[in-house]
Every structure is written in structure tokens, then in C-alpha cells.
């Protein structure tokens, strides 16, 4: 998970794929309201574990996706549906690049 200039991680918060954040912790880490996270879940940007919001658990990848979606929305004016599509396309590009590296022996 790359740490982009516009999406810094708080120094006290280092997460990996196995991290387990609550809704409140994710909101604090991203400085957003719970309603924004609920919208991301409704739009399919995030797929937390757990059925109800008070039981949701998020990984480090969810934190990254939330920050990218927030950046796309706030700084670029992209709506949440567009952010969901952009995230999907960015992940596909990363996957294709990884496959090319493997095929190229790099």
C-alpha cells in the first residue's frame, strides 16, 4: 500500500491488511463522519466485515480506499459512484502491472 503525498497516514496509525478498525476508528483516522463511511459502504467502495454499522470492522486496505475516495470527492469533485469506479480501475491497473512484472521477470 503506497503512502501518497495527498494521503498521509497518521504517524501513530500504521495498519496492514489484517488490521481491524471499528467504524468510529475509521472515521477518526480519516476525519470524516460516519454517514460518509455508510455512503461508501452503500456505494460498494467498502465492504466491511459485520452486518450492522456498530459491528463493522475495516482493514488497512479499507482505510486506504476511504482516503482515496475522499481525495477524489473533495479535491477532484468526483461523486461517490465515480470514486467507486475510479478505485476499481486503479486496482485493476495495479494488478496488471504486477502481472507484467512477474511475466517480465522484474
N, C-alpha and C. Protein backbone atom coordinates (compact mmCIF):
# COMPACT_ATOMS: atom_id res chain seq x y z
N UNK A 1 0.84 -1.17 0.00
CA UNK A 1 0.00 0.00 0.00
C UNK A 1 0.89 1.24 0.00
N UNK A 2 0.88 1.98 -1.07
CA UNK A 2 1.72 3.16 -1.18
C UNK A 2 1.14 4.29 -0.35
N UNK A 3 2.01 5.06 0.25
CA UNK A 3 1.59 6.22 1.02
C UNK A 3 1.78 7.43 0.14
N UNK A 4 0.70 7.91 -0.47
CA UNK A 4 0.77 9.02 -1.40
C UNK A 4 0.89 10.33 -0.65
N UNK A 5 1.44 11.34 -1.31
CA UNK A 5 1.65 12.64 -0.70
C UNK A 5 0.34 13.24 -0.18
N UNK A 6 -0.74 13.11 -0.92
CA UNK A 6 -2.02 13.69 -0.52
C UNK A 6 -2.77 12.83 0.49
N UNK A 7 -2.29 11.64 0.78
CA UNK A 7 -3.00 10.73 1.66
C UNK A 7 -2.07 10.21 2.76
N UNK A 8 -1.55 11.12 3.61
CA UNK A 8 -0.60 10.67 4.63
C UNK A 8 -1.28 9.86 5.72
N UNK A 9 -0.57 8.89 6.22
CA UNK A 9 -1.05 8.12 7.36
C UNK A 9 -0.59 8.81 8.63
N UNK A 10 -1.46 8.90 9.63
CA UNK A 10 -1.01 9.46 10.91
C UNK A 10 0.14 8.63 11.45
N UNK A 11 1.11 9.29 12.05
CA UNK A 11 2.31 8.59 12.50
C UNK A 11 2.01 7.51 13.52
N UNK A 12 0.97 7.68 14.31
CA UNK A 12 0.64 6.70 15.34
C UNK A 12 -0.23 5.58 14.80
N UNK A 13 -0.59 5.63 13.53
CA UNK A 13 -1.52 4.66 12.97
C UNK A 13 -0.89 3.97 11.77
N UNK A 14 -0.28 2.83 12.02
CA UNK A 14 0.32 2.04 10.96
C UNK A 14 -0.50 0.77 10.84
N UNK A 15 -1.12 0.58 9.69
CA UNK A 15 -2.05 -0.53 9.52
C UNK A 15 -1.60 -1.44 8.40
N UNK A 16 -1.97 -2.69 8.53
CA UNK A 16 -1.72 -3.64 7.46
C UNK A 16 -3.06 -4.22 7.03
N UNK A 17 -3.01 -5.17 6.14
CA UNK A 17 -4.21 -5.78 5.59
C UNK A 17 -5.04 -6.45 6.68
N UNK A 18 -4.42 -6.89 7.76
CA UNK A 18 -5.12 -7.62 8.81
C UNK A 18 -5.66 -6.72 9.92
N UNK A 19 -5.45 -5.41 9.83
CA UNK A 19 -5.93 -4.51 10.86
C UNK A 19 -7.45 -4.59 10.98
N UNK A 20 -7.94 -4.23 12.13
CA UNK A 20 -9.35 -4.41 12.43
C UNK A 20 -9.87 -3.13 13.09
N UNK A 21 -10.31 -2.17 12.27
CA UNK A 21 -10.81 -0.89 12.77
C UNK A 21 -12.32 -0.91 12.91
N UNK A 22 -12.81 -0.24 13.94
CA UNK A 22 -14.25 -0.04 14.07
C UNK A 22 -14.65 1.14 13.19
N UNK A 23 -15.95 1.35 13.05
CA UNK A 23 -16.45 2.49 12.29
C UNK A 23 -15.94 3.79 12.89
N UNK A 24 -15.98 3.92 14.21
CA UNK A 24 -15.52 5.14 14.87
C UNK A 24 -14.03 5.37 14.64
N UNK A 25 -13.23 4.31 14.69
CA UNK A 25 -11.79 4.45 14.46
C UNK A 25 -11.49 4.85 13.02
N UNK A 26 -12.21 4.28 12.07
CA UNK A 26 -12.01 4.66 10.67
C UNK A 26 -12.41 6.11 10.45
N UNK A 27 -13.50 6.53 11.07
CA UNK A 27 -13.92 7.93 10.97
C UNK A 27 -12.86 8.87 11.52
N UNK A 28 -12.30 8.54 12.68
CA UNK A 28 -11.25 9.37 13.27
C UNK A 28 -10.01 9.40 12.39
N UNK A 29 -9.62 8.26 11.87
CA UNK A 29 -8.41 8.17 11.05
C UNK A 29 -8.53 8.99 9.77
N UNK A 30 -9.75 9.14 9.26
CA UNK A 30 -9.97 9.86 8.01
C UNK A 30 -10.60 11.23 8.21
N UNK A 31 -10.90 11.58 9.45
CA UNK A 31 -11.55 12.86 9.77
C UNK A 31 -12.85 13.05 9.00
N UNK A 32 -13.69 12.01 9.04
CA UNK A 32 -14.99 12.07 8.37
C UNK A 32 -16.08 11.62 9.34
N UNK A 33 -17.31 11.93 8.99
CA UNK A 33 -18.45 11.48 9.78
C UNK A 33 -18.83 10.06 9.37
N UNK A 34 -19.52 9.38 10.26
CA UNK A 34 -19.95 8.01 9.99
C UNK A 34 -20.84 7.94 8.76
N UNK A 35 -21.62 8.97 8.50
CA UNK A 35 -22.50 8.99 7.33
C UNK A 35 -21.71 8.83 6.03
N UNK A 36 -20.52 9.41 5.98
CA UNK A 36 -19.69 9.28 4.78
C UNK A 36 -19.26 7.83 4.59
N UNK A 37 -18.87 7.17 5.67
CA UNK A 37 -18.47 5.77 5.58
C UNK A 37 -19.66 4.91 5.17
N UNK A 38 -20.82 5.18 5.72
CA UNK A 38 -22.03 4.44 5.36
C UNK A 38 -22.31 4.60 3.87
N UNK A 39 -22.14 5.82 3.34
CA UNK A 39 -22.33 6.05 1.91
C UNK A 39 -21.33 5.24 1.09
N UNK A 40 -20.08 5.15 1.56
CA UNK A 40 -19.08 4.36 0.84
C UNK A 40 -19.45 2.88 0.83
N UNK A 41 -19.98 2.40 1.94
CA UNK A 41 -20.42 1.01 2.01
C UNK A 41 -21.61 0.81 1.07
N UNK A 42 -22.58 1.72 1.11
CA UNK A 42 -23.76 1.62 0.24
C UNK A 42 -23.38 1.64 -1.24
N UNK A 43 -22.33 2.40 -1.57
CA UNK A 43 -21.89 2.54 -2.96
C UNK A 43 -21.01 1.38 -3.40
N UNK A 44 -20.59 0.56 -2.45
CA UNK A 44 -19.74 -0.58 -2.78
C UNK A 44 -18.26 -0.28 -2.75
N UNK A 45 -17.89 0.90 -2.31
CA UNK A 45 -16.47 1.26 -2.22
C UNK A 45 -15.80 0.47 -1.10
N UNK A 46 -16.53 0.27 -0.01
CA UNK A 46 -16.04 -0.50 1.13
C UNK A 46 -16.97 -1.68 1.38
N UNK A 47 -16.38 -2.79 1.78
CA UNK A 47 -17.16 -3.98 2.14
C UNK A 47 -16.64 -4.49 3.48
N UNK A 48 -17.10 -3.87 4.57
CA UNK A 48 -16.61 -4.26 5.89
C UNK A 48 -17.14 -5.62 6.32
N UNK A 49 -16.47 -6.20 7.28
CA UNK A 49 -16.99 -7.41 7.92
C UNK A 49 -18.02 -6.96 8.94
N UNK A 50 -19.06 -7.75 9.11
CA UNK A 50 -20.13 -7.41 10.04
C UNK A 50 -21.36 -6.92 9.31
N UNK A 51 -22.51 -7.14 9.91
CA UNK A 51 -23.77 -6.80 9.26
C UNK A 51 -24.26 -5.39 9.56
N UNK A 52 -24.18 -4.97 10.81
CA UNK A 52 -24.66 -3.65 11.20
C UNK A 52 -23.48 -2.70 11.40
N UNK A 53 -23.70 -1.40 11.17
CA UNK A 53 -22.60 -0.44 11.31
C UNK A 53 -21.85 -0.52 12.64
N UNK A 54 -22.53 -0.78 13.74
CA UNK A 54 -21.82 -0.83 15.03
C UNK A 54 -20.98 -2.10 15.16
N UNK A 55 -21.15 -3.05 14.24
CA UNK A 55 -20.33 -4.28 14.24
C UNK A 55 -19.31 -4.31 13.09
N UNK A 56 -19.35 -3.31 12.22
CA UNK A 56 -18.43 -3.29 11.08
C UNK A 56 -16.98 -3.27 11.55
N UNK A 57 -16.14 -3.97 10.78
CA UNK A 57 -14.70 -3.95 11.01
C UNK A 57 -14.03 -3.70 9.66
N UNK A 58 -13.01 -2.84 9.69
CA UNK A 58 -12.34 -2.40 8.48
C UNK A 58 -10.85 -2.73 8.55
N UNK A 59 -10.27 -3.03 7.41
CA UNK A 59 -8.85 -3.35 7.31
C UNK A 59 -8.05 -2.11 6.92
N UNK A 60 -6.75 -2.27 6.87
CA UNK A 60 -5.88 -1.19 6.39
C UNK A 60 -6.20 -0.83 4.95
N UNK A 61 -6.59 -1.82 4.15
CA UNK A 61 -6.98 -1.54 2.76
C UNK A 61 -8.23 -0.67 2.71
N UNK A 62 -9.15 -0.87 3.65
CA UNK A 62 -10.35 -0.03 3.71
C UNK A 62 -9.97 1.41 4.04
N UNK A 63 -9.02 1.58 4.94
CA UNK A 63 -8.55 2.92 5.27
C UNK A 63 -8.00 3.60 4.04
N UNK A 64 -7.17 2.90 3.30
CA UNK A 64 -6.59 3.46 2.07
C UNK A 64 -7.69 3.82 1.07
N UNK A 65 -8.63 2.91 0.84
CA UNK A 65 -9.73 3.16 -0.10
C UNK A 65 -10.57 4.35 0.33
N UNK A 66 -10.80 4.49 1.63
CA UNK A 66 -11.58 5.62 2.14
C UNK A 66 -10.85 6.92 1.85
N UNK A 67 -9.56 6.94 2.09
CA UNK A 67 -8.79 8.17 1.84
C UNK A 67 -8.73 8.52 0.37
N UNK A 68 -8.59 7.53 -0.48
CA UNK A 68 -8.58 7.80 -1.92
C UNK A 68 -9.95 8.33 -2.36
N UNK A 69 -11.02 7.69 -1.90
CA UNK A 69 -12.37 8.15 -2.24
C UNK A 69 -12.60 9.57 -1.76
N UNK A 70 -12.13 9.87 -0.57
CA UNK A 70 -12.26 11.21 -0.01
C UNK A 70 -11.50 12.22 -0.87
N UNK A 71 -10.30 11.86 -1.27
CA UNK A 71 -9.49 12.72 -2.14
C UNK A 71 -10.20 12.95 -3.47
N UNK A 72 -10.70 11.88 -4.07
CA UNK A 72 -11.39 12.01 -5.36
C UNK A 72 -12.61 12.91 -5.24
N UNK A 73 -13.33 12.79 -4.15
CA UNK A 73 -14.55 13.57 -3.97
C UNK A 73 -14.23 15.02 -3.64
N UNK A 74 -13.41 15.23 -2.63
CA UNK A 74 -13.14 16.61 -2.18
C UNK A 74 -12.29 17.40 -3.16
N UNK A 75 -11.20 16.82 -3.60
CA UNK A 75 -10.23 17.57 -4.40
C UNK A 75 -10.54 17.57 -5.89
N UNK A 76 -11.18 16.52 -6.37
CA UNK A 76 -11.43 16.42 -7.81
C UNK A 76 -12.89 16.54 -8.18
N UNK A 77 -13.77 16.61 -7.18
CA UNK A 77 -15.19 16.80 -7.44
C UNK A 77 -15.90 15.59 -8.02
N UNK A 78 -15.35 14.42 -7.81
CA UNK A 78 -15.94 13.19 -8.33
C UNK A 78 -16.97 12.68 -7.32
N UNK A 79 -18.15 12.28 -7.80
CA UNK A 79 -19.16 11.76 -6.88
C UNK A 79 -18.77 10.35 -6.43
N UNK A 80 -19.51 9.81 -5.47
CA UNK A 80 -19.12 8.52 -4.89
C UNK A 80 -19.19 7.38 -5.90
N UNK A 81 -20.16 7.41 -6.81
CA UNK A 81 -20.22 6.38 -7.84
C UNK A 81 -18.98 6.45 -8.74
N UNK A 82 -18.57 7.65 -9.07
CA UNK A 82 -17.35 7.82 -9.86
C UNK A 82 -16.11 7.41 -9.10
N UNK A 83 -16.08 7.69 -7.81
CA UNK A 83 -14.95 7.28 -6.98
C UNK A 83 -14.87 5.77 -6.91
N UNK A 84 -16.02 5.11 -6.80
CA UNK A 84 -16.04 3.64 -6.76
C UNK A 84 -15.46 3.08 -8.05
N UNK A 85 -15.87 3.63 -9.18
CA UNK A 85 -15.36 3.18 -10.47
C UNK A 85 -13.86 3.47 -10.59
N UNK A 86 -13.44 4.65 -10.19
CA UNK A 86 -12.03 5.01 -10.27
C UNK A 86 -11.17 4.07 -9.41
N UNK A 87 -11.64 3.76 -8.20
CA UNK A 87 -10.91 2.82 -7.34
C UNK A 87 -10.80 1.45 -7.97
N UNK A 88 -11.88 0.98 -8.57
CA UNK A 88 -11.86 -0.32 -9.23
C UNK A 88 -10.85 -0.32 -10.38
N UNK A 89 -10.85 0.73 -11.17
CA UNK A 89 -9.91 0.82 -12.30
C UNK A 89 -8.47 0.94 -11.82
N UNK A 90 -8.23 1.69 -10.77
CA UNK A 90 -6.87 1.81 -10.22
C UNK A 90 -6.37 0.46 -9.73
N UNK A 91 -7.25 -0.30 -9.08
CA UNK A 91 -6.85 -1.63 -8.59
C UNK A 91 -6.56 -2.58 -9.75
N UNK A 92 -7.35 -2.48 -10.82
CA UNK A 92 -7.09 -3.31 -12.00
C UNK A 92 -5.76 -2.96 -12.64
N UNK A 93 -5.44 -1.68 -12.71
CA UNK A 93 -4.15 -1.25 -13.26
C UNK A 93 -3.01 -1.80 -12.40
N UNK A 94 -3.15 -1.70 -11.08
CA UNK A 94 -2.11 -2.24 -10.18
C UNK A 94 -1.93 -3.74 -10.39
N UNK A 95 -3.05 -4.45 -10.53
CA UNK A 95 -2.98 -5.90 -10.74
C UNK A 95 -2.30 -6.24 -12.07
N UNK A 96 -2.62 -5.49 -13.12
CA UNK A 96 -2.00 -5.72 -14.42
C UNK A 96 -0.50 -5.41 -14.38
N UNK A 97 -0.13 -4.36 -13.68
CA UNK A 97 1.30 -4.03 -13.54
C UNK A 97 2.04 -5.14 -12.81
N UNK A 98 1.41 -5.68 -11.77
CA UNK A 98 2.04 -6.78 -11.02
C UNK A 98 2.22 -8.00 -11.93
N UNK A 99 1.22 -8.29 -12.74
CA UNK A 99 1.33 -9.42 -13.68
C UNK A 99 2.44 -9.20 -14.69
N UNK A 100 2.56 -7.96 -15.17
CA UNK A 100 3.62 -7.66 -16.14
C UNK A 100 5.01 -7.81 -15.50
N UNK A 101 5.13 -7.39 -14.25
CA UNK A 101 6.41 -7.55 -13.55
C UNK A 101 6.77 -9.02 -13.44
N UNK A 102 5.78 -9.85 -13.12
CA UNK A 102 6.02 -11.29 -12.99
C UNK A 102 6.41 -11.88 -14.34
N UNK A 103 5.69 -11.50 -15.37
CA UNK A 103 5.97 -12.02 -16.70
C UNK A 103 7.32 -11.55 -17.23
N UNK A 104 7.67 -10.31 -16.85
CA UNK A 104 8.93 -9.76 -17.31
C UNK A 104 10.12 -10.15 -16.46
N UNK A 105 9.86 -10.84 -15.37
CA UNK A 105 10.94 -11.30 -14.51
C UNK A 105 11.57 -10.22 -13.66
N UNK A 106 10.90 -9.09 -13.53
CA UNK A 106 11.45 -7.99 -12.73
C UNK A 106 11.15 -8.17 -11.28
